Amino acid sequence: MMISCRRFTDLVASGELQEAGWLTRLQAGQHRWVCTRCRAFERNDRALDDILSAHRDRLQRPDDAPDQDGSAGPPG
């Protein structure tokens, strides 16, 4: 039996999918395979995680540390 879109997005957004049992992961994989909207949701969720992680790293860096592109942080 396939899981619903709501269940899939809850699993992805909460991070529970990585720690779920094999049956839940299998059901999520089947759902992802047939549902284009949930595939897009998962792709967007990953992109948002990457953006937030980069922002968090930038906030935790001292102001005079260079960015990844080599430029200095904002003037103090």
PDB file of N, CA and C in Angstrom:
ATOM      1  N   MET A   1       0.835  -1.185   0.000  1.00  0.00           N
ATOM      2  CA  MET A   1       0.000   0.000   0.000  1.00  0.00           C
ATOM      3  C   MET A   1       0.879   1.247   0.000  1.00  0.00           C
ATOM      4  N   MET A   2       0.530   2.221  -0.815  1.00  0.00           N
ATOM      5  CA  MET A   2       1.314   3.433  -0.929  1.00  0.00           C
ATOM      6  C   MET A   2       0.872   4.459   0.116  1.00  0.00           C
ATOM      7  N   ILE A   3       1.815   5.272   0.558  1.00  0.00           N
ATOM      8  CA  ILE A   3       1.490   6.300   1.539  1.00  0.00           C
ATOM      9  C   ILE A   3       0.898   7.520   0.837  1.00  0.00           C
ATOM     10  N   SER A   4       0.253   8.374   1.603  1.00  0.00           N
ATOM     11  CA  SER A   4      -0.376   9.579   1.050  1.00  0.00           C
ATOM     12  C   SER A   4       0.659  10.697   0.886  1.00  0.00           C
ATOM     13  N   CYS A   5       0.289  11.693   0.115  1.00  0.00           N
ATOM     14  CA  CYS A   5       1.152  12.864  -0.058  1.00  0.00           C
ATOM     15  C   CYS A   5       1.420  13.540   1.288  1.00  0.00           C
ATOM     16  N   ARG A   6       0.402  13.648   2.107  1.00  0.00           N
ATOM     17  CA  ARG A   6       0.564  14.289   3.413  1.00  0.00           C
ATOM     18  C   ARG A   6       1.584  13.540   4.265  1.00  0.00           C
ATOM     19  N   ARG A   7       1.489  12.217   4.284  1.00  0.00           N
ATOM     20  CA  ARG A   7       2.426  11.406   5.067  1.00  0.00           C
ATOM     21  C   ARG A   7       3.839  11.545   4.508  1.00  0.00           C
ATOM     22  N   PHE A   8       3.960  11.538   3.182  1.00  0.00           N
ATOM     23  CA  PHE A   8       5.268  11.672   2.550  1.00  0.00           C
ATOM     24  C   PHE A   8       5.922  13.001   2.916  1.00  0.00           C
ATOM     25  N   THR A   9       5.173  14.097   2.768  1.00  0.00           N
ATOM     26  CA  THR A   9       5.748  15.404   3.066  1.00  0.00           C
ATOM     27  C   THR A   9       6.070  15.551   4.548  1.00  0.00           C
ATOM     28  N   ASP A  10       5.264  14.963   5.416  1.00  0.00           N
ATOM     29  CA  ASP A  10       5.575  14.985   6.849  1.00  0.00           C
ATOM     30  C   ASP A  10       6.885  14.254   7.130  1.00  0.00           C
ATOM     31  N   LEU A  11       7.074  13.091   6.508  1.00  0.00           N
ATOM     32  CA  LEU A  11       8.301  12.318   6.709  1.00  0.00           C
ATOM     33  C   LEU A  11       9.520  13.080   6.212  1.00  0.00           C
ATOM     34  N   VAL A  12       9.398  13.690   5.044  1.00  0.00           N
ATOM     35  CA  VAL A  12      10.523  14.421   4.458  1.00  0.00           C
ATOM     36  C   VAL A  12      10.848  15.667   5.288  1.00  0.00           C
ATOM     37  N   ALA A  13       9.834  16.468   5.589  1.00  0.00           N
ATOM     38  CA  ALA A  13      10.053  17.739   6.286  1.00  0.00           C
ATOM     39  C   ALA A  13      10.573  17.538   7.710  1.00  0.00           C
ATOM     40  N   SER A  14      10.160  16.472   8.360  1.00  0.00           N
ATOM     41  CA  SER A  14      10.590  16.245   9.739  1.00  0.00           C
ATOM     42  C   SER A  14      11.931  15.531   9.832  1.00  0.00           C
ATOM     43  N   GLY A  15      12.395  14.961   8.727  1.00  0.00           N
ATOM     44  CA  GLY A  15      13.643  14.205   8.752  1.00  0.00           C
ATOM     45  C   GLY A  15      13.465  12.773   9.213  1.00  0.00           C
ATOM     46  N   GLU A  16      12.236  12.364   9.459  1.00  0.00           N
ATOM     47  CA  GLU A  16      11.961  11.007   9.939  1.00  0.00           C
ATOM     48  C   GLU A  16      12.250   9.944   8.890  1.00  0.00           C
ATOM     49  N   LEU A  17      12.246  10.320   7.635  1.00  0.00           N
ATOM     50  CA  LEU A  17      12.417   9.341   6.569  1.00  0.00           C
ATOM     51  C   LEU A  17      13.776   8.647   6.655  1.00  0.00           C
ATOM     52  N   GLN A  18      14.820   9.369   7.046  1.00  0.00           N
ATOM     53  CA  GLN A  18      16.153   8.778   7.154  1.00  0.00           C
ATOM     54  C   GLN A  18      16.208   7.712   8.238  1.00  0.00           C
ATOM     55  N   GLU A  19      15.410   7.851   9.271  1.00  0.00           N
ATOM     56  CA  GLU A  19      15.443   6.909  10.389  1.00  0.00           C
ATOM     57  C   GLU A  19      14.286   5.921  10.356  1.00  0.00           C
ATOM     58  N   ALA A  20      13.452   5.988   9.324  1.00  0.00           N
ATOM     59  CA  ALA A  20      12.287   5.115   9.224  1.00  0.00           C
ATOM     60  C   ALA A  20      12.712   3.689   8.886  1.00  0.00           C
ATOM     61  N   GLY A  21      11.829   2.764   9.159  1.00  0.00           N
ATOM     62  CA  GLY A  21      12.084   1.369   8.838  1.00  0.00           C
ATOM     63  C   GLY A  21      12.070   1.127   7.337  1.00  0.00           C
ATOM     64  N   TRP A  22      12.482  -0.067   6.955  1.00  0.00           N
ATOM     65  CA  TRP A  22      12.603  -0.374   5.531  1.00  0.00           C
ATOM     66  C   TRP A  22      11.255  -0.301   4.808  1.00  0.00           C
ATOM     67  N   LEU A  23      10.187  -0.708   5.455  1.00  0.00           N
ATOM     68  CA  LEU A  23       8.878  -0.701   4.800  1.00  0.00           C
ATOM     69  C   LEU A  23       8.418   0.735   4.511  1.00  0.00           C
ATOM     70  N   THR A  24       8.606   1.612   5.476  1.00  0.00           N
ATOM     71  CA  THR A  24       8.227   3.020   5.278  1.00  0.00           C
ATOM     72  C   THR A  24       9.080   3.649   4.185  1.00  0.00           C
ATOM     73  N   ARG A  25      10.378   3.361   4.182  1.00  0.00           N
ATOM     74  CA  ARG A  25      11.249   3.901   3.135  1.00  0.00           C
ATOM     75  C   ARG A  25      10.854   3.367   1.758  1.00  0.00           C
ATOM     76  N   LEU A  26      10.473   2.094   1.695  1.00  0.00           N
ATOM     77  CA  LEU A  26      10.023   1.504   0.444  1.00  0.00           C
ATOM     78  C   LEU A  26       8.738   2.179  -0.039  1.00  0.00           C
ATOM     79  N   GLN A  27       7.798   2.372   0.866  1.00  0.00           N
ATOM     80  CA  GLN A  27       6.541   3.028   0.510  1.00  0.00           C
ATOM     81  C   GLN A  27       6.789   4.469   0.057  1.00  0.00           C
ATOM     82  N   ALA A  28       7.694   5.157   0.736  1.00  0.00           N
ATOM     83  CA  ALA A  28       8.012   6.532   0.352  1.00  0.00           C
ATOM     84  C   ALA A  28       8.673   6.555  -1.025  1.00  0.00           C
ATOM     85  N   GLY A  29       9.541   5.598  -1.292  1.00  0.00           N
ATOM     86  CA  GLY A  29      10.179   5.514  -2.601  1.00  0.00           C
ATOM     87  C   GLY A  29       9.169   5.254  -3.703  1.00  0.00           C
ATOM     88  N   GLN A  30       8.216   4.391  -3.440  1.00  0.00           N
ATOM     89  CA  GLN A  30       7.160   4.122  -4.418  1.00  0.00           C
ATOM     90  C   GLN A  30       6.328   5.372  -4.654  1.00  0.00           C
ATOM     91  N   HIS A  31       6.016   6.075  -3.599  1.00  0.00           N
ATOM     92  CA  HIS A  31       5.215   7.290  -3.726  1.00  0.00           C
ATOM     93  C   HIS A  31       5.989   8.342  -4.522  1.00  0.00           C
ATOM     94  N   ARG A  32       7.263   8.509  -4.193  1.00  0.00           N
ATOM     95  CA  ARG A  32       8.105   9.483  -4.886  1.00  0.00           C
ATOM     96  C   ARG A  32       8.167   9.161  -6.379  1.00  0.00           C
ATOM     97  N   TRP A  33       8.187   7.891  -6.710  1.00  0.00           N
ATOM     98  CA  TRP A  33       8.305   7.455  -8.094  1.00  0.00           C
ATOM     99  C   TRP A  33       7.084   7.861  -8.914  1.00  0.00           C
ATOM    100  N   VAL A  34       5.904   7.838  -8.320  1.00  0.00           N
ATOM    101  CA  VAL A  34       4.678   8.117  -9.073  1.00  0.00           C
ATOM    102  C   VAL A  34       4.141   9.534  -8.898  1.00  0.00           C
ATOM    103  N   CYS A  35       4.581  10.251  -7.886  1.00  0.00           N
ATOM    104  CA  CYS A  35       3.993  11.559  -7.577  1.00  0.00           C
ATOM    105  C   CYS A  35       4.983  12.689  -7.898  1.00  0.00           C
ATOM    106  N   THR A  36       4.716  13.409  -8.968  1.00  0.00           N
ATOM    107  CA  THR A  36       5.624  14.484  -9.372  1.00  0.00           C
ATOM    108  C   THR A  36       5.639  15.633  -8.365  1.00  0.00           C
ATOM    109  N   ARG A  37       4.524  15.905  -7.737  1.00  0.00           N
ATOM    110  CA  ARG A  37       4.476  17.007  -6.763  1.00  0.00           C
ATOM    111  C   ARG A  37       5.306  16.697  -5.526  1.00  0.00           C
ATOM    112  N   CYS A  38       5.282  15.459  -5.083  1.00  0.00           N
ATOM    113  CA  CYS A  38       6.091  15.091  -3.913  1.00  0.00           C
ATOM    114  C   CYS A  38       7.575  15.035  -4.259  1.00  0.00           C
ATOM    115  N   ARG A  39       7.902  14.659  -5.500  1.00  0.00           N
ATOM    116  CA  ARG A  39       9.302  14.726  -5.935  1.00  0.00           C
ATOM    117  C   ARG A  39       9.782  16.170  -5.894  1.00  0.00           C
ATOM    118  N   ALA A  40       8.941  17.087  -6.390  1.00  0.00           N
ATOM    119  CA  ALA A  40       9.288  18.506  -6.368  1.00  0.00           C
ATOM    120  C   ALA A  40       9.400  19.008  -4.934  1.00  0.00           C
ATOM    121  N   PHE A  41       8.490  18.565  -4.056  1.00  0.00           N
ATOM    122  CA  PHE A  41       8.548  18.983  -2.653  1.00  0.00           C
ATOM    123  C   PHE A  41       9.863  18.540  -2.026  1.00  0.00           C
ATOM    124  N   GLU A  42      10.268  17.305  -2.272  1.00  0.00           N
ATOM    125  CA  GLU A  42      11.511  16.795  -1.686  1.00  0.00           C
ATOM    126  C   GLU A  42      12.721  17.558  -2.226  1.00  0.00           C
ATOM    127  N   ARG A  43      12.722  17.851  -3.510  1.00  0.00           N
ATOM    128  CA  ARG A  43      13.814  18.617  -4.114  1.00  0.00           C
ATOM    129  C   ARG A  43      13.880  20.021  -3.495  1.00  0.00           C
ATOM    130  N   ASN A  44      12.733  20.668  -3.341  1.00  0.00           N
ATOM    131  CA  ASN A  44      12.686  21.996  -2.737  1.00  0.00           C
ATOM    132  C   ASN A  44      13.090  21.967  -1.268  1.00  0.00           C
ATOM    133  N   ASP A  45      12.712  20.905  -0.559  1.00  0.00           N
ATOM    134  CA  ASP A  45      13.075  20.768   0.852  1.00  0.00           C
ATOM    135  C   ASP A  45      14.595  20.653   0.994  1.00  0.00           C
ATOM    136  N   ARG A  46      15.216  19.862   0.105  1.00  0.00           N
ATOM    137  CA  ARG A  46      16.680  19.745   0.133  1.00  0.00           C
ATOM    138  C   ARG A  46      17.347  21.085  -0.170  1.00  0.00           C
ATOM    139  N   ALA A  47      16.829  21.802  -1.162  1.00  0.00           N
ATOM    140  CA  ALA A  47      17.395  23.107  -1.517  1.00  0.00           C
ATOM    141  C   ALA A  47      17.265  24.085  -0.355  1.00  0.00           C
ATOM    142  N   LEU A  48      16.123  24.096   0.305  1.00  0.00           N
ATOM    143  CA  LEU A  48      15.926  24.965   1.462  1.00  0.00           C
ATOM    144  C   LEU A  48      16.875  24.597   2.602  1.00  0.00           C
ATOM    145  N   ASP A  49      17.068  23.309   2.842  1.00  0.00           N
ATOM    146  CA  ASP A  49      18.032  22.872   3.862  1.00  0.00           C
ATOM    147  C   ASP A  49      19.428  23.386   3.549  1.00  0.00           C
ATOM    148  N   ASP A  50      19.830  23.309   2.281  1.00  0.00           N
ATOM    149  CA  ASP A  50      21.156  23.795   1.877  1.00  0.00           C
ATOM    150  C   ASP A  50      21.285  25.301   2.091  1.00  0.00           C
ATOM    151  N   ILE A  51      20.248  26.045   1.723  1.00  0.00           N
ATOM    152  CA  ILE A  51      20.268  27.504   1.883  1.00  0.00           C
ATOM    153  C   ILE A  51      20.354  27.879   3.360  1.00  0.00           C
ATOM    154  N   LEU A  52      19.533  27.249   4.183  1.00  0.00           N
ATOM    155  CA  LEU A  52      19.535  27.558   5.617  1.00  0.00           C
ATOM    156  C   LEU A  52      20.840  27.161   6.281  1.00  0.00           C
ATOM    157  N   SER A  53      21.417  26.055   5.853  1.00  0.00           N
ATOM    158  CA  SER A  53      22.694  25.615   6.410  1.00  0.00           C
ATOM    159  C   SER A  53      23.798  26.618   6.071  1.00  0.00           C
ATOM    160  N   ALA A  54      23.834  27.084   4.833  1.00  0.00           N
ATOM    161  CA  ALA A  54      24.826  28.074   4.429  1.00  0.00           C
ATOM    162  C   ALA A  54      24.627  29.382   5.194  1.00  0.00           C
ATOM    163  N   HIS A  55      23.389  29.768   5.386  1.00  0.00           N
ATOM    164  CA  HIS A  55      23.106  31.000   6.133  1.00  0.00           C
ATOM    165  C   HIS A  55      23.538  30.855   7.593  1.00  0.00           C
ATOM    166  N   ARG A  56      23.232  29.717   8.191  1.00  0.00           N
ATOM    167  CA  ARG A  56      23.638  29.471   9.582  1.00  0.00           C
ATOM    168  C   ARG A  56      25.161  29.507   9.710  1.00  0.00           C
ATOM    169  N   ASP A  57      25.856  28.877   8.755  1.00  0.00           N
ATOM    170  CA  ASP A  57      27.324  28.890   8.786  1.00  0.00           C
ATOM    171  C   ASP A  57      27.861  30.311   8.672  1.00  0.00           C
ATOM    172  N   ARG A  58      27.234  31.096   7.819  1.00  0.00           N
ATOM    173  CA  ARG A  58      27.681  32.478   7.635  1.00  0.00           C
ATOM    174  C   ARG A  58      27.450  33.305   8.900  1.00  0.00           C
ATOM    175  N   LEU A  59      26.343  33.075   9.588  1.00  0.00           N
ATOM    176  CA  LEU A  59      26.058  33.812  10.823  1.00  0.00           C
ATOM    177  C   LEU A  59      27.013  33.430  11.955  1.00  0.00           C
ATOM    178  N   GLN A  60      27.497  32.215  11.944  1.00  0.00           N
ATOM    179  CA  GLN A  60      28.379  31.742  13.015  1.00  0.00           C
ATOM    180  C   GLN A  60      29.839  32.095  12.768  1.00  0.00           C
ATOM    181  N   ARG A  61      30.156  32.584  11.589  1.00  0.00           N
ATOM    182  CA  ARG A  61      31.526  32.943  11.236  1.00  0.00           C
ATOM    183  C   ARG A  61      31.828  34.349  11.756  1.00  0.00           C
ATOM    184  N   PRO A  62      33.053  34.579  12.218  1.00  0.00           N
ATOM    185  CA  PRO A  62      33.413  35.938  12.644  1.00  0.00           C
ATOM    186  C   PRO A  62      33.280  36.917  11.478  1.00  0.00           C
ATOM    187  N   ASP A  63      33.028  38.190  11.793  1.00  0.00           N
ATOM    188  CA  ASP A  63      32.798  39.194  10.759  1.00  0.00           C
ATOM    189  C   ASP A  63      33.973  39.375   9.805  1.00  0.00           C
ATOM    190  N   ASP A  64      35.210  39.163  10.273  1.00  0.00           N
ATOM    191  CA  ASP A  64      36.357  39.401   9.406  1.00  0.00           C
ATOM    192  C   ASP A  64      36.779  38.153   8.615  1.00  0.00           C
ATOM    193  N   ALA A  65      36.093  37.044   8.789  1.00  0.00           N
ATOM    194  CA  ALA A  65      36.417  35.829   8.042  1.00  0.00           C
ATOM    195  C   ALA A  65      35.898  35.968   6.614  1.00  0.00           C
ATOM    196  N   PRO A  66      36.680  35.499   5.634  1.00  0.00           N
ATOM    197  CA  PRO A  66      36.234  35.614   4.232  1.00  0.00           C
ATOM    198  C   PRO A  66      35.082  34.666   3.928  1.00  0.00           C
ATOM    199  N   ASP A  67      34.228  35.096   2.981  1.00  0.00           N
ATOM    200  CA  ASP A  67      33.162  34.229   2.478  1.00  0.00           C
ATOM    201  C   ASP A  67      33.794  33.148   1.615  1.00  0.00           C
ATOM    202  N   GLN A  68      32.979  32.222   1.152  1.00  0.00           N
ATOM    203  CA  GLN A  68      33.482  31.168   0.272  1.00  0.00           C
ATOM    204  C   GLN A  68      34.014  31.734  -1.027  1.00  0.00           C
ATOM    205  N   ASP A  69      33.493  32.892  -1.443  1.00  0.00           N
ATOM    206  CA  ASP A  69      33.969  33.494  -2.685  1.00  0.00           C
ATOM    207  C   ASP A  69      35.211  34.358  -2.472  1.00  0.00           C
ATOM    208  N   GLY A  70      35.731  34.412  -1.238  1.00  0.00           N
ATOM    209  CA  GLY A  70      36.958  35.125  -0.934  1.00  0.00           C
ATOM    210  C   GLY A  70      36.777  36.544  -0.451  1.00  0.00           C
ATOM    211  N   SER A  71      35.562  37.075  -0.521  1.00  0.00           N
ATOM    212  CA  SER A  71      35.332  38.445  -0.052  1.00  0.00           C
ATOM    213  C   SER A  71      35.185  38.451   1.471  1.00  0.00           C
ATOM    214  N   ALA A  72      35.519  39.567   2.055  1.00  0.00           N
ATOM    215  CA  ALA A  72      35.405  39.704   3.507  1.00  0.00           C
ATOM    216  C   ALA A  72      33.949  39.905   3.904  1.00  0.00           C
ATOM    217  N   GLY A  73      33.655  39.642   5.147  1.00  0.00           N
ATOM    218  CA  GLY A  73      32.295  39.843   5.685  1.00  0.00           C
ATOM    219  C   GLY A  73      31.968  41.317   5.760  1.00  0.00           C
ATOM    220  N   PRO A  74      30.807  41.663   6.293  1.00  0.00           N
ATOM    221  CA  PRO A  74      30.400  43.068   6.378  1.00  0.00           C
ATOM    222  C   PRO A  74      31.328  43.838   7.315  1.00  0.00           C
ATOM    223  N   PRO A  75      31.518  45.145   7.045  1.00  0.00           N
ATOM    224  CA  PRO A  75      32.393  45.949   7.910  1.00  0.00           C
ATOM    225  C   PRO A  75      31.826  46.058   9.310  1.00  0.00           C
ATOM    226  N   GLY A  76      32.704  46.081  10.288  1.00  0.00           N
ATOM    227  CA  GLY A  76      32.282  46.099  11.677  1.00  0.00           C
ATOM    228  C   GLY A  76      32.173  47.415  12.216  1.00  0.00           C
TER     229      GLY A  76
END
